[in-house]
Amino acid sequence: MSGNIKDEIHFVNQKSCFTEGVAVGRDWTFLSTYALVFLAVAQNPQATLRQIGSVVGITERAAQQVVAELVEQGYLRRFREGRRNRYEIVPTKHMRHPLNRDREAGALLTLLSREPAAASSG
């Protein structure tokens, strides 16, 4: 992947407040916690659950639950290496939502690993 996934995750995980009463004071992102964990694992397959949680902005316990579900659903594979786990992305697994179930999860990695397009100057 090109670029730093931690910076990319930070970018998409910023707090947002609207002044017109829509979602004032609420955190929201365009990507779900599951997508952010998936991206974090793609960047660092040897990351601990604590590291994944820290990068994504969730607790270690929440990271464990998300990773366990991603493994159970076939989006990640877990390998034991000594006392640690290593994870492997399964890029050919199809996404679950009806709007994108014809797309493979690896497409998300491809999309988010691209450099942002330069803003047009008018």
PDB file of N, CA and C in Angstrom:
ATOM      1  N   MET A   1       0.846  -1.180   0.000  1.00  0.00           N
ATOM      2  CA  MET A   1       0.000   0.000   0.000  1.00  0.00           C
ATOM      3  C   MET A   1       0.884   1.233   0.000  1.00  0.00           C
ATOM      4  N   SER A   2       0.504   2.257  -0.719  1.00  0.00           N
ATOM      5  CA  SER A   2       1.251   3.502  -0.677  1.00  0.00           C
ATOM      6  C   SER A   2       0.634   4.396   0.385  1.00  0.00           C
ATOM      7  N   GLY A   3       1.462   5.184   1.006  1.00  0.00           N
ATOM      8  CA  GLY A   3       0.952   6.074   2.054  1.00  0.00           C
ATOM      9  C   GLY A   3       0.893   5.371   3.391  1.00  0.00           C
ATOM     10  N   ASN A   4       0.650   6.130   4.396  1.00  0.00           N
ATOM     11  CA  ASN A   4       0.612   5.614   5.760  1.00  0.00           C
ATOM     12  C   ASN A   4      -0.836   5.415   6.175  1.00  0.00           C
ATOM     13  N   ILE A   5      -1.209   4.183   6.453  1.00  0.00           N
ATOM     14  CA  ILE A   5      -2.604   3.881   6.788  1.00  0.00           C
ATOM     15  C   ILE A   5      -3.037   4.592   8.061  1.00  0.00           C
ATOM     16  N   LYS A   6      -2.106   4.793   9.013  1.00  0.00           N
ATOM     17  CA  LYS A   6      -2.456   5.501  10.239  1.00  0.00           C
ATOM     18  C   LYS A   6      -2.903   6.925   9.917  1.00  0.00           C
ATOM     19  N   ASP A   7      -2.193   7.591   8.986  1.00  0.00           N
ATOM     20  CA  ASP A   7      -2.596   8.937   8.572  1.00  0.00           C
ATOM     21  C   ASP A   7      -3.935   8.899   7.855  1.00  0.00           C
ATOM     22  N   GLU A   8      -4.133   7.868   7.009  1.00  0.00           N
ATOM     23  CA  GLU A   8      -5.399   7.746   6.282  1.00  0.00           C
ATOM     24  C   GLU A   8      -6.549   7.491   7.246  1.00  0.00           C
ATOM     25  N   ILE A   9      -6.319   6.629   8.225  1.00  0.00           N
ATOM     26  CA  ILE A   9      -7.360   6.349   9.209  1.00  0.00           C
ATOM     27  C   ILE A   9      -7.653   7.606  10.020  1.00  0.00           C
ATOM     28  N   HIS A  10      -6.607   8.315  10.411  1.00  0.00           N
ATOM     29  CA  HIS A  10      -6.813   9.555  11.173  1.00  0.00           C
ATOM     30  C   HIS A  10      -7.671  10.526  10.361  1.00  0.00           C
ATOM     31  N   PHE A  11      -7.384  10.619   9.049  1.00  0.00           N
ATOM     32  CA  PHE A  11      -8.136  11.510   8.183  1.00  0.00           C
ATOM     33  C   PHE A  11      -9.625  11.167   8.156  1.00  0.00           C
ATOM     34  N   VAL A  12      -9.949   9.898   8.004  1.00  0.00           N
ATOM     35  CA  VAL A  12     -11.350   9.517   7.897  1.00  0.00           C
ATOM     36  C   VAL A  12     -12.029   9.402   9.256  1.00  0.00           C
ATOM     37  N   ASN A  13     -11.262   9.452  10.343  1.00  0.00           N
ATOM     38  CA  ASN A  13     -11.817   9.263  11.672  1.00  0.00           C
ATOM     39  C   ASN A  13     -11.896  10.580  12.449  1.00  0.00           C
ATOM     40  N   GLN A  14     -11.859  11.708  11.755  1.00  0.00           N
ATOM     41  CA  GLN A  14     -11.910  13.009  12.407  1.00  0.00           C
ATOM     42  C   GLN A  14     -13.311  13.292  12.945  1.00  0.00           C
ATOM     43  N   LYS A  15     -13.364  14.079  14.012  1.00  0.00           N
ATOM     44  CA  LYS A  15     -14.658  14.490  14.553  1.00  0.00           C
ATOM     45  C   LYS A  15     -15.279  15.516  13.613  1.00  0.00           C
ATOM     46  N   SER A  16     -16.580  15.514  13.561  1.00  0.00           N
ATOM     47  CA  SER A  16     -17.273  16.445  12.693  1.00  0.00           C
ATOM     48  C   SER A  16     -18.482  17.017  13.427  1.00  0.00           C
ATOM     49  N   CYS A  17     -18.625  18.310  13.409  1.00  0.00           N
ATOM     50  CA  CYS A  17     -19.773  18.968  14.036  1.00  0.00           C
ATOM     51  C   CYS A  17     -20.429  19.860  12.999  1.00  0.00           C
ATOM     52  N   PHE A  18     -21.723  19.747  12.881  1.00  0.00           N
ATOM     53  CA  PHE A  18     -22.467  20.598  11.977  1.00  0.00           C
ATOM     54  C   PHE A  18     -23.107  21.715  12.780  1.00  0.00           C
ATOM     55  N   THR A  19     -23.214  22.881  12.185  1.00  0.00           N
ATOM     56  CA  THR A  19     -23.780  24.021  12.900  1.00  0.00           C
ATOM     57  C   THR A  19     -25.282  24.135  12.723  1.00  0.00           C
ATOM     58  N   GLU A  20     -25.862  23.357  11.839  1.00  0.00           N
ATOM     59  CA  GLU A  20     -27.297  23.437  11.588  1.00  0.00           C
ATOM     60  C   GLU A  20     -28.072  22.377  12.346  1.00  0.00           C
ATOM     61  N   GLY A  21     -27.511  21.843  13.404  1.00  0.00           N
ATOM     62  CA  GLY A  21     -28.225  20.890  14.235  1.00  0.00           C
ATOM     63  C   GLY A  21     -28.143  19.447  13.781  1.00  0.00           C
ATOM     64  N   VAL A  22     -27.460  19.187  12.700  1.00  0.00           N
ATOM     65  CA  VAL A  22     -27.323  17.823  12.225  1.00  0.00           C
ATOM     66  C   VAL A  22     -26.029  17.257  12.793  1.00  0.00           C
ATOM     67  N   ALA A  23     -26.156  16.285  13.657  1.00  0.00           N
ATOM     68  CA  ALA A  23     -25.021  15.564  14.249  1.00  0.00           C
ATOM     69  C   ALA A  23     -24.071  16.466  15.023  1.00  0.00           C
ATOM     70  N   VAL A  24     -24.574  17.502  15.672  1.00  0.00           N
ATOM     71  CA  VAL A  24     -23.732  18.380  16.464  1.00  0.00           C
ATOM     72  C   VAL A  24     -23.141  17.602  17.619  1.00  0.00           C
ATOM     73  N   GLY A  25     -21.827  17.672  17.749  1.00  0.00           N
ATOM     74  CA  GLY A  25     -21.145  17.031  18.847  1.00  0.00           C
ATOM     75  C   GLY A  25     -20.990  15.528  18.706  1.00  0.00           C
ATOM     76  N   ARG A  26     -21.409  14.954  17.618  1.00  0.00           N
ATOM     77  CA  ARG A  26     -21.300  13.507  17.428  1.00  0.00           C
ATOM     78  C   ARG A  26     -20.117  13.191  16.535  1.00  0.00           C
ATOM     79  N   ASP A  27     -19.457  12.108  16.849  1.00  0.00           N
ATOM     80  CA  ASP A  27     -18.377  11.614  15.993  1.00  0.00           C
ATOM     81  C   ASP A  27     -18.996  10.734  14.913  1.00  0.00           C
ATOM     82  N   TRP A  28     -18.515  10.855  13.711  1.00  0.00           N
ATOM     83  CA  TRP A  28     -18.941   9.951  12.658  1.00  0.00           C
ATOM     84  C   TRP A  28     -17.833   9.872  11.627  1.00  0.00           C
ATOM     85  N   THR A  29     -17.814   8.826  10.882  1.00  0.00           N
ATOM     86  CA  THR A  29     -16.832   8.655   9.821  1.00  0.00           C
ATOM     87  C   THR A  29     -17.528   8.060   8.608  1.00  0.00           C
ATOM     88  N   PHE A  30     -16.878   8.169   7.478  1.00  0.00           N
ATOM     89  CA  PHE A  30     -17.408   7.545   6.274  1.00  0.00           C
ATOM     90  C   PHE A  30     -17.162   6.046   6.289  1.00  0.00           C
ATOM     91  N   LEU A  31     -16.197   5.597   7.069  1.00  0.00           N
ATOM     92  CA  LEU A  31     -15.883   4.178   7.142  1.00  0.00           C
ATOM     93  C   LEU A  31     -16.239   3.645   8.513  1.00  0.00           C
ATOM     94  N   SER A  32     -16.768   2.441   8.542  1.00  0.00           N
ATOM     95  CA  SER A  32     -17.136   1.812   9.801  1.00  0.00           C
ATOM     96  C   SER A  32     -15.882   1.371  10.554  1.00  0.00           C
ATOM     97  N   THR A  33     -16.068   1.039  11.811  1.00  0.00           N
ATOM     98  CA  THR A  33     -14.977   0.498  12.617  1.00  0.00           C
ATOM     99  C   THR A  33     -14.433  -0.767  11.978  1.00  0.00           C
ATOM    100  N   TYR A  34     -15.287  -1.584  11.401  1.00  0.00           N
ATOM    101  CA  TYR A  34     -14.846  -2.810  10.751  1.00  0.00           C
ATOM    102  C   TYR A  34     -13.916  -2.497   9.579  1.00  0.00           C
ATOM    103  N   ALA A  35     -14.273  -1.529   8.770  1.00  0.00           N
ATOM    104  CA  ALA A  35     -13.422  -1.149   7.639  1.00  0.00           C
ATOM    105  C   ALA A  35     -12.094  -0.599   8.129  1.00  0.00           C
ATOM    106  N   LEU A  36     -12.123   0.204   9.187  1.00  0.00           N
ATOM    107  CA  LEU A  36     -10.887   0.773   9.712  1.00  0.00           C
ATOM    108  C   LEU A  36      -9.975  -0.303  10.292  1.00  0.00           C
ATOM    109  N   VAL A  37     -10.545  -1.284  10.980  1.00  0.00           N
ATOM    110  CA  VAL A  37      -9.751  -2.395  11.499  1.00  0.00           C
ATOM    111  C   VAL A  37      -9.173  -3.195  10.327  1.00  0.00           C
ATOM    112  N   PHE A  38      -9.968  -3.450   9.322  1.00  0.00           N
ATOM    113  CA  PHE A  38      -9.517  -4.165   8.125  1.00  0.00           C
ATOM    114  C   PHE A  38      -8.326  -3.446   7.492  1.00  0.00           C
ATOM    115  N   LEU A  39      -8.411  -2.126   7.373  1.00  0.00           N
ATOM    116  CA  LEU A  39      -7.326  -1.330   6.808  1.00  0.00           C
ATOM    117  C   LEU A  39      -6.084  -1.362   7.691  1.00  0.00           C
ATOM    118  N   ALA A  40      -6.281  -1.287   9.005  1.00  0.00           N
ATOM    119  CA  ALA A  40      -5.156  -1.313   9.937  1.00  0.00           C
ATOM    120  C   ALA A  40      -4.412  -2.646   9.850  1.00  0.00           C
ATOM    121  N   VAL A  41      -5.155  -3.734   9.742  1.00  0.00           N
ATOM    122  CA  VAL A  41      -4.533  -5.054   9.622  1.00  0.00           C
ATOM    123  C   VAL A  41      -3.794  -5.168   8.284  1.00  0.00           C
ATOM    124  N   ALA A  42      -4.351  -4.611   7.235  1.00  0.00           N
ATOM    125  CA  ALA A  42      -3.686  -4.644   5.929  1.00  0.00           C
ATOM    126  C   ALA A  42      -2.338  -3.930   5.997  1.00  0.00           C
ATOM    127  N   GLN A  43      -2.269  -2.857   6.746  1.00  0.00           N
ATOM    128  CA  GLN A  43      -1.041  -2.086   6.881  1.00  0.00           C
ATOM    129  C   GLN A  43      -0.013  -2.811   7.743  1.00  0.00           C
ATOM    130  N   ASN A  44      -0.480  -3.478   8.808  1.00  0.00           N
ATOM    131  CA  ASN A  44       0.439  -4.112   9.751  1.00  0.00           C
ATOM    132  C   ASN A  44      -0.133  -5.449  10.228  1.00  0.00           C
ATOM    133  N   PRO A  45       0.092  -6.515   9.459  1.00  0.00           N
ATOM    134  CA  PRO A  45      -0.476  -7.826   9.814  1.00  0.00           C
ATOM    135  C   PRO A  45       0.010  -8.392  11.146  1.00  0.00           C
ATOM    136  N   GLN A  46       1.137  -7.909  11.649  1.00  0.00           N
ATOM    137  CA  GLN A  46       1.660  -8.385  12.926  1.00  0.00           C
ATOM    138  C   GLN A  46       1.228  -7.515  14.095  1.00  0.00           C
ATOM    139  N   ALA A  47       0.401  -6.527  13.859  1.00  0.00           N
ATOM    140  CA  ALA A  47      -0.024  -5.615  14.926  1.00  0.00           C
ATOM    141  C   ALA A  47      -0.763  -6.368  16.021  1.00  0.00           C
ATOM    142  N   THR A  48      -0.549  -5.930  17.252  1.00  0.00           N
ATOM    143  CA  THR A  48      -1.308  -6.494  18.362  1.00  0.00           C
ATOM    144  C   THR A  48      -2.699  -5.865  18.368  1.00  0.00           C
ATOM    145  N   LEU A  49      -3.597  -6.472  19.105  1.00  0.00           N
ATOM    146  CA  LEU A  49      -4.946  -5.907  19.219  1.00  0.00           C
ATOM    147  C   LEU A  49      -4.892  -4.529  19.859  1.00  0.00           C
ATOM    148  N   ARG A  50      -3.986  -4.329  20.790  1.00  0.00           N
ATOM    149  CA  ARG A  50      -3.818  -3.007  21.414  1.00  0.00           C
ATOM    150  C   ARG A  50      -3.393  -1.977  20.377  1.00  0.00           C
ATOM    151  N   GLN A  51      -2.455  -2.359  19.498  1.00  0.00           N
ATOM    152  CA  GLN A  51      -2.002  -1.443  18.456  1.00  0.00           C
ATOM    153  C   GLN A  51      -3.122  -1.147  17.459  1.00  0.00           C
ATOM    154  N   ILE A  52      -3.862  -2.166  17.088  1.00  0.00           N
ATOM    155  CA  ILE A  52      -4.987  -1.965  16.159  1.00  0.00           C
ATOM    156  C   ILE A  52      -6.003  -1.020  16.790  1.00  0.00           C
ATOM    157  N   GLY A  53      -6.354  -1.274  18.040  1.00  0.00           N
ATOM    158  CA  GLY A  53      -7.293  -0.402  18.734  1.00  0.00           C
ATOM    159  C   GLY A  53      -6.803   1.026  18.799  1.00  0.00           C
ATOM    160  N   SER A  54      -5.527   1.206  19.077  1.00  0.00           N
ATOM    161  CA  SER A  54      -4.959   2.548  19.180  1.00  0.00           C
ATOM    162  C   SER A  54      -5.022   3.293  17.854  1.00  0.00           C
ATOM    163  N   VAL A  55      -4.676   2.613  16.769  1.00  0.00           N
ATOM    164  CA  VAL A  55      -4.692   3.237  15.447  1.00  0.00           C
ATOM    165  C   VAL A  55      -6.116   3.609  15.039  1.00  0.00           C
ATOM    166  N   VAL A  56      -7.054   2.719  15.326  1.00  0.00           N
ATOM    167  CA  VAL A  56      -8.442   2.937  14.907  1.00  0.00           C
ATOM    168  C   VAL A  56      -9.183   3.888  15.843  1.00  0.00           C
ATOM    169  N   GLY A  57      -8.757   3.920  17.109  1.00  0.00           N
ATOM    170  CA  GLY A  57      -9.432   4.785  18.083  1.00  0.00           C
ATOM    171  C   GLY A  57     -10.499   4.053  18.872  1.00  0.00           C
ATOM    172  N   ILE A  58     -10.270   2.756  19.099  1.00  0.00           N
ATOM    173  CA  ILE A  58     -11.201   1.942  19.887  1.00  0.00           C
ATOM    174  C   ILE A  58     -10.402   1.216  20.965  1.00  0.00           C
ATOM    175  N   THR A  59     -11.084   0.603  21.892  1.00  0.00           N
ATOM    176  CA  THR A  59     -10.399  -0.128  22.953  1.00  0.00           C
ATOM    177  C   THR A  59      -9.813  -1.426  22.404  1.00  0.00           C
ATOM    178  N   GLU A  60      -8.889  -1.983  23.156  1.00  0.00           N
ATOM    179  CA  GLU A  60      -8.309  -3.271  22.787  1.00  0.00           C
ATOM    180  C   GLU A  60      -9.394  -4.347  22.725  1.00  0.00           C
ATOM    181  N   ARG A  61     -10.320  -4.299  23.669  1.00  0.00           N
ATOM    182  CA  ARG A  61     -11.415  -5.273  23.705  1.00  0.00           C
ATOM    183  C   ARG A  61     -12.311  -5.147  22.465  1.00  0.00           C
ATOM    184  N   ALA A  62     -12.612  -3.925  22.084  1.00  0.00           N
ATOM    185  CA  ALA A  62     -13.424  -3.710  20.882  1.00  0.00           C
ATOM    186  C   ALA A  62     -12.673  -4.201  19.642  1.00  0.00           C
ATOM    187  N   ALA A  63     -11.365  -3.946  19.587  1.00  0.00           N
ATOM    188  CA  ALA A  63     -10.558  -4.428  18.464  1.00  0.00           C
ATOM    189  C   ALA A  63     -10.601  -5.951  18.405  1.00  0.00           C
ATOM    190  N   GLN A  64     -10.521  -6.599  19.574  1.00  0.00           N
ATOM    191  CA  GLN A  64     -10.573  -8.061  19.631  1.00  0.00           C
ATOM    192  C   GLN A  64     -11.899  -8.572  19.084  1.00  0.00           C
ATOM    193  N   GLN A  65     -12.986  -7.914  19.445  1.00  0.00           N
ATOM    194  CA  GLN A  65     -14.305  -8.346  18.976  1.00  0.00           C
ATOM    195  C   GLN A  65     -14.446  -8.172  17.464  1.00  0.00           C
ATOM    196  N   VAL A  66     -13.971  -7.045  16.940  1.00  0.00           N
ATOM    197  CA  VAL A  66     -14.071  -6.791  15.504  1.00  0.00           C
ATOM    198  C   VAL A  66     -13.199  -7.781  14.740  1.00  0.00           C
ATOM    199  N   VAL A  67     -11.956  -7.972  15.197  1.00  0.00           N
ATOM    200  CA  VAL A  67     -11.059  -8.914  14.522  1.00  0.00           C
ATOM    201  C   VAL A  67     -11.655 -10.325  14.551  1.00  0.00           C
ATOM    202  N   ALA A  68     -12.177 -10.735  15.690  1.00  0.00           N
ATOM    203  CA  ALA A  68     -12.777 -12.070  15.802  1.00  0.00           C
ATOM    204  C   ALA A  68     -13.922 -12.231  14.804  1.00  0.00           C
ATOM    205  N   GLU A  69     -14.746 -11.216  14.653  1.00  0.00           N
ATOM    206  CA  GLU A  69     -15.859 -11.304  13.710  1.00  0.00           C
ATOM    207  C   GLU A  69     -15.364 -11.300  12.267  1.00  0.00           C
ATOM    208  N   LEU A  70     -14.346 -10.495  11.973  1.00  0.00           N
ATOM    209  CA  LEU A  70     -13.778 -10.495  10.621  1.00  0.00           C
ATOM    210  C   LEU A  70     -13.158 -11.848  10.285  1.00  0.00           C
ATOM    211  N   VAL A  71     -12.537 -12.493  11.271  1.00  0.00           N
ATOM    212  CA  VAL A  71     -11.998 -13.843  11.073  1.00  0.00           C
ATOM    213  C   VAL A  71     -13.146 -14.826  10.856  1.00  0.00           C
ATOM    214  N   GLU A  72     -14.152 -14.749  11.714  1.00  0.00           N
ATOM    215  CA  GLU A  72     -15.299 -15.666  11.624  1.00  0.00           C
ATOM    216  C   GLU A  72     -16.019 -15.540  10.282  1.00  0.00           C
ATOM    217  N   GLN A  73     -16.120 -14.327   9.765  1.00  0.00           N
ATOM    218  CA  GLN A  73     -16.828 -14.098   8.508  1.00  0.00           C
ATOM    219  C   GLN A  73     -15.950 -14.328   7.280  1.00  0.00           C
ATOM    220  N   GLY A  74     -14.653 -14.597   7.495  1.00  0.00           N
ATOM    221  CA  GLY A  74     -13.773 -14.930   6.386  1.00  0.00           C
ATOM    222  C   GLY A  74     -13.041 -13.773   5.733  1.00  0.00           C
ATOM    223  N   TYR A  75     -13.065 -12.593   6.337  1.00  0.00           N
ATOM    224  CA  TYR A  75     -12.355 -11.433   5.793  1.00  0.00           C
ATOM    225  C   TYR A  75     -10.892 -11.408   6.213  1.00  0.00           C
ATOM    226  N   LEU A  76     -10.573 -12.055   7.320  1.00  0.00           N
ATOM    227  CA  LEU A  76      -9.205 -12.181   7.813  1.00  0.00           C
ATOM    228  C   LEU A  76      -8.929 -13.637   8.124  1.00  0.00           C
ATOM    229  N   ARG A  77      -7.649 -14.004   8.055  1.00  0.00           N
ATOM    230  CA  ARG A  77      -7.184 -15.297   8.559  1.00  0.00           C
ATOM    231  C   ARG A  77      -6.213 -14.997   9.696  1.00  0.00           C
ATOM    232  N   ARG A  78      -6.272 -15.820  10.734  1.00  0.00           N
ATOM    233  CA  ARG A  78      -5.397 -15.639  11.896  1.00  0.00           C
ATOM    234  C   ARG A  78      -4.396 -16.793  11.938  1.00  0.00           C
ATOM    235  N   PHE A  79      -3.144 -16.454  12.133  1.00  0.00           N
ATOM    236  CA  PHE A  79      -2.076 -17.446  12.261  1.00  0.00           C
ATOM    237  C   PHE A  79      -1.347 -17.195  13.570  1.00  0.00           C
ATOM    238  N   ARG A  80      -1.114 -18.258  14.295  1.00  0.00           N
ATOM    239  CA  ARG A  80      -0.377 -18.166  15.551  1.00  0.00           C
ATOM    240  C   ARG A  80       1.111 -18.258  15.243  1.00  0.00           C
ATOM    241  N   GLU A  81       1.887 -17.303  15.711  1.00  0.00           N
ATOM    242  CA  GLU A  81       3.339 -17.303  15.544  1.00  0.00           C
ATOM    243  C   GLU A  81       3.961 -17.113  16.916  1.00  0.00           C
ATOM    244  N   GLY A  82       4.334 -18.228  17.539  1.00  0.00           N
ATOM    245  CA  GLY A  82       4.841 -18.150  18.908  1.00  0.00           C
ATOM    246  C   GLY A  82       3.726 -17.712  19.845  1.00  0.00           C
ATOM    247  N   ARG A  83       3.949 -16.647  20.546  1.00  0.00           N
ATOM    248  CA  ARG A  83       2.936 -16.117  21.468  1.00  0.00           C
ATOM    249  C   ARG A  83       2.066 -15.039  20.843  1.00  0.00           C
ATOM    250  N   ARG A  84       2.282 -14.740  19.578  1.00  0.00           N
ATOM    251  CA  ARG A  84       1.554 -13.649  18.928  1.00  0.00           C
ATOM    252  C   ARG A  84       0.724 -14.171  17.761  1.00  0.00           C
ATOM    253  N   ASN A  85      -0.190 -13.342  17.329  1.00  0.00           N
ATOM    254  CA  ASN A  85      -0.986 -13.637  16.145  1.00  0.00           C
ATOM    255  C   ASN A  85      -0.499 -12.786  14.981  1.00  0.00           C
ATOM    256  N   ARG A  86      -0.624 -13.346  13.810  1.00  0.00           N
ATOM    257  CA  ARG A  86      -0.416 -12.603  12.576  1.00  0.00           C
ATOM    258  C   ARG A  86      -1.715 -12.756  11.792  1.00  0.00           C
ATOM    259  N   TYR A  87      -2.111 -11.708  11.120  1.00  0.00           N
ATOM    260  CA  TYR A  87      -3.362 -11.738  10.369  1.00  0.00           C
ATOM    261  C   TYR A  87      -3.076 -11.596   8.886  1.00  0.00           C
ATOM    262  N   GLU A  88      -3.947 -12.166   8.094  1.00  0.00           N
ATOM    263  CA  GLU A  88      -3.842 -12.071   6.649  1.00  0.00           C
ATOM    264  C   GLU A  88      -5.200 -11.628   6.112  1.00  0.00           C
ATOM    265  N   ILE A  89      -5.172 -10.646   5.259  1.00  0.00           N
ATOM    266  CA  ILE A  89      -6.380 -10.153   4.597  1.00  0.00           C
ATOM    267  C   ILE A  89      -6.824 -11.184   3.555  1.00  0.00           C
ATOM    268  N   VAL A  90      -8.116 -11.362   3.411  1.00  0.00           N
ATOM    269  CA  VAL A  90      -8.672 -12.190   2.333  1.00  0.00           C
ATOM    270  C   VAL A  90      -9.332 -11.212   1.351  1.00  0.00           C
ATOM    271  N   PRO A  91      -8.567 -10.741   0.379  1.00  0.00           N
ATOM    272  CA  PRO A  91      -9.068  -9.672  -0.490  1.00  0.00           C
ATOM    273  C   PRO A  91     -10.185 -10.093  -1.433  1.00  0.00           C
ATOM    274  N   THR A  92     -10.356 -11.401  -1.638  1.00  0.00           N
ATOM    275  CA  THR A  92     -11.371 -11.874  -2.591  1.00  0.00           C
ATOM    276  C   THR A  92     -12.744 -12.079  -1.952  1.00  0.00           C
ATOM    277  N   LYS A  93     -12.836 -11.920  -0.662  1.00  0.00           N
ATOM    278  CA  LYS A  93     -14.127 -12.059   0.026  1.00  0.00           C
ATOM    279  C   LYS A  93     -15.013 -10.876  -0.367  1.00  0.00           C
ATOM    280  N   HIS A  94     -16.245 -11.170  -0.737  1.00  0.00           N
ATOM    281  CA  HIS A  94     -17.154 -10.104  -1.174  1.00  0.00           C
ATOM    282  C   HIS A  94     -17.719  -9.345   0.016  1.00  0.00           C
ATOM    283  N   MET A  95     -17.932  -8.060  -0.201  1.00  0.00           N
ATOM    284  CA  MET A  95     -18.530  -7.223   0.840  1.00  0.00           C
ATOM    285  C   MET A  95     -19.965  -7.649   1.076  1.00  0.00           C
ATOM    286  N   ARG A  96     -20.517  -7.218   2.221  1.00  0.00           N
ATOM    287  CA  ARG A  96     -21.804  -7.749   2.661  1.00  0.00           C
ATOM    288  C   ARG A  96     -23.017  -6.893   2.309  1.00  0.00           C
ATOM    289  N   HIS A  97     -22.848  -5.600   2.215  1.00  0.00           N
ATOM    290  CA  HIS A  97     -24.001  -4.712   2.011  1.00  0.00           C
ATOM    291  C   HIS A  97     -24.547  -4.841   0.584  1.00  0.00           C
ATOM    292  N   PRO A  98     -25.870  -4.773   0.417  1.00  0.00           N
ATOM    293  CA  PRO A  98     -26.465  -4.914  -0.923  1.00  0.00           C
ATOM    294  C   PRO A  98     -25.923  -3.917  -1.960  1.00  0.00           C
ATOM    295  N   LEU A  99     -25.496  -2.733  -1.514  1.00  0.00           N
ATOM    296  CA  LEU A  99     -24.972  -1.752  -2.465  1.00  0.00           C
ATOM    297  C   LEU A  99     -23.609  -2.130  -3.027  1.00  0.00           C
ATOM    298  N   ASN A 100     -22.866  -2.991  -2.319  1.00  0.00           N
ATOM    299  CA  ASN A 100     -21.534  -3.319  -2.803  1.00  0.00           C
ATOM    300  C   ASN A 100     -21.188  -4.803  -2.670  1.00  0.00           C
ATOM    301  N   ARG A 101     -22.181  -5.648  -2.556  1.00  0.00           N
ATOM    302  CA  ARG A 101     -21.885  -7.074  -2.386  1.00  0.00           C
ATOM    303  C   ARG A 101     -21.276  -7.713  -3.627  1.00  0.00           C
ATOM    304  N   ASP A 102     -21.305  -7.027  -4.751  1.00  0.00           N
ATOM    305  CA  ASP A 102     -20.642  -7.537  -5.944  1.00  0.00           C
ATOM    306  C   ASP A 102     -19.159  -7.160  -5.991  1.00  0.00           C
ATOM    307  N   ARG A 103     -18.686  -6.432  -4.986  1.00  0.00           N
ATOM    308  CA  ARG A 103     -17.287  -5.999  -4.913  1.00  0.00           C
ATOM    309  C   ARG A 103     -16.511  -6.811  -3.892  1.00  0.00           C
ATOM    310  N   GLU A 104     -15.258  -7.047  -4.198  1.00  0.00           N
ATOM    311  CA  GLU A 104     -14.389  -7.743  -3.262  1.00  0.00           C
ATOM    312  C   GLU A 104     -13.846  -6.755  -2.231  1.00  0.00           C
ATOM    313  N   ALA A 105     -13.596  -7.240  -1.024  1.00  0.00           N
ATOM    314  CA  ALA A 105     -13.090  -6.389   0.055  1.00  0.00           C
ATOM    315  C   ALA A 105     -11.744  -5.775  -0.303  1.00  0.00           C
ATOM    316  N   GLY A 106     -10.961  -6.470  -1.115  1.00  0.00           N
ATOM    317  CA  GLY A 106      -9.680  -5.921  -1.548  1.00  0.00           C
ATOM    318  C   GLY A 106      -9.824  -4.624  -2.326  1.00  0.00           C
ATOM    319  N   ALA A 107     -10.979  -4.416  -2.956  1.00  0.00           N
ATOM    320  CA  ALA A 107     -11.218  -3.170  -3.685  1.00  0.00           C
ATOM    321  C   ALA A 107     -11.188  -1.973  -2.741  1.00  0.00           C
ATOM    322  N   LEU A 108     -11.624  -2.180  -1.506  1.00  0.00           N
ATOM    323  CA  LEU A 108     -11.577  -1.111  -0.510  1.00  0.00           C
ATOM    324  C   LEU A 108     -10.126  -0.723  -0.233  1.00  0.00           C
ATOM    325  N   LEU A 109      -9.263  -1.710  -0.100  1.00  0.00           N
ATOM    326  CA  LEU A 109      -7.840  -1.433   0.124  1.00  0.00           C
ATOM    327  C   LEU A 109      -7.241  -0.681  -1.058  1.00  0.00           C
ATOM    328  N   THR A 110      -7.597  -1.117  -2.252  1.00  0.00           N
ATOM    329  CA  THR A 110      -7.095  -0.455  -3.458  1.00  0.00           C
ATOM    330  C   THR A 110      -7.562   0.989  -3.509  1.00  0.00           C
ATOM    331  N   LEU A 111      -8.825   1.199  -3.254  1.00  0.00           N
ATOM    332  CA  LEU A 111      -9.384   2.546  -3.294  1.00  0.00           C
ATOM    333  C   LEU A 111      -8.707   3.471  -2.287  1.00  0.00           C
ATOM    334  N   LEU A 112      -8.548   2.997  -1.072  1.00  0.00           N
ATOM    335  CA  LEU A 112      -8.022   3.860  -0.018  1.00  0.00           C
ATOM    336  C   LEU A 112      -6.505   3.943   0.003  1.00  0.00           C
ATOM    337  N   SER A 113      -5.832   3.166  -0.820  1.00  0.00           N
ATOM    338  CA  SER A 113      -4.379   3.253  -0.865  1.00  0.00           C
ATOM    339  C   SER A 113      -3.913   4.197  -1.970  1.00  0.00           C
ATOM    340  N   ARG A 114      -4.817   4.656  -2.773  1.00  0.00           N
ATOM    341  CA  ARG A 114      -4.466   5.600  -3.833  1.00  0.00           C
ATOM    342  C   ARG A 114      -4.194   6.972  -3.238  1.00  0.00           C
ATOM    343  N   GLU A 115      -3.332   7.712  -3.916  1.00  0.00           N
ATOM    344  CA  GLU A 115      -3.086   9.090  -3.512  1.00  0.00           C
ATOM    345  C   GLU A 115      -4.326   9.907  -3.852  1.00  0.00           C
ATOM    346  N   PRO A 116      -4.711  10.845  -2.962  1.00  0.00           N
ATOM    347  CA  PRO A 116      -5.880  11.671  -3.246  1.00  0.00           C
ATOM    348  C   PRO A 116      -5.668  12.487  -4.521  1.00  0.00           C
ATOM    349  N   ALA A 117      -6.729  12.647  -5.279  1.00  0.00           N
ATOM    350  CA  ALA A 117      -6.649  13.460  -6.493  1.00  0.00           C
ATOM    351  C   ALA A 117      -6.464  14.925  -6.103  1.00  0.00           C
ATOM    352  N   ALA A 118      -5.686  15.630  -6.881  1.00  0.00           N
ATOM    353  CA  ALA A 118      -5.474  17.050  -6.618  1.00  0.00           C
ATOM    354  C   ALA A 118      -6.769  17.804  -6.876  1.00  0.00           C
ATOM    355  N   ALA A 119      -7.036  18.784  -6.048  1.00  0.00           N
ATOM    356  CA  ALA A 119      -8.248  19.591  -6.216  1.00  0.00           C
ATOM    357  C   ALA A 119      -8.147  20.390  -7.508  1.00  0.00           C
ATOM    358  N   SER A 120      -9.262  20.451  -8.218  1.00  0.00           N
ATOM    359  CA  SER A 120      -9.248  21.238  -9.458  1.00  0.00           C
ATOM    360  C   SER A 120      -9.204  22.716  -9.120  1.00  0.00           C
ATOM    361  N   SER A 121      -8.613  23.475  -9.973  1.00  0.00           N
ATOM    362  CA  SER A 121      -8.429  24.900  -9.683  1.00  0.00           C
ATOM    363  C   SER A 121      -9.483  25.754 -10.361  1.00  0.00           C
ATOM    364  N   GLY A 122     -10.627  25.169 -10.563  1.00  0.00           N
ATOM    365  CA  GLY A 122     -11.671  26.042 -11.013  1.00  0.00           C
ATOM    366  C   GLY A 122     -12.353  25.544 -12.170  1.00  0.00           C
TER     367      GLY A 122
END
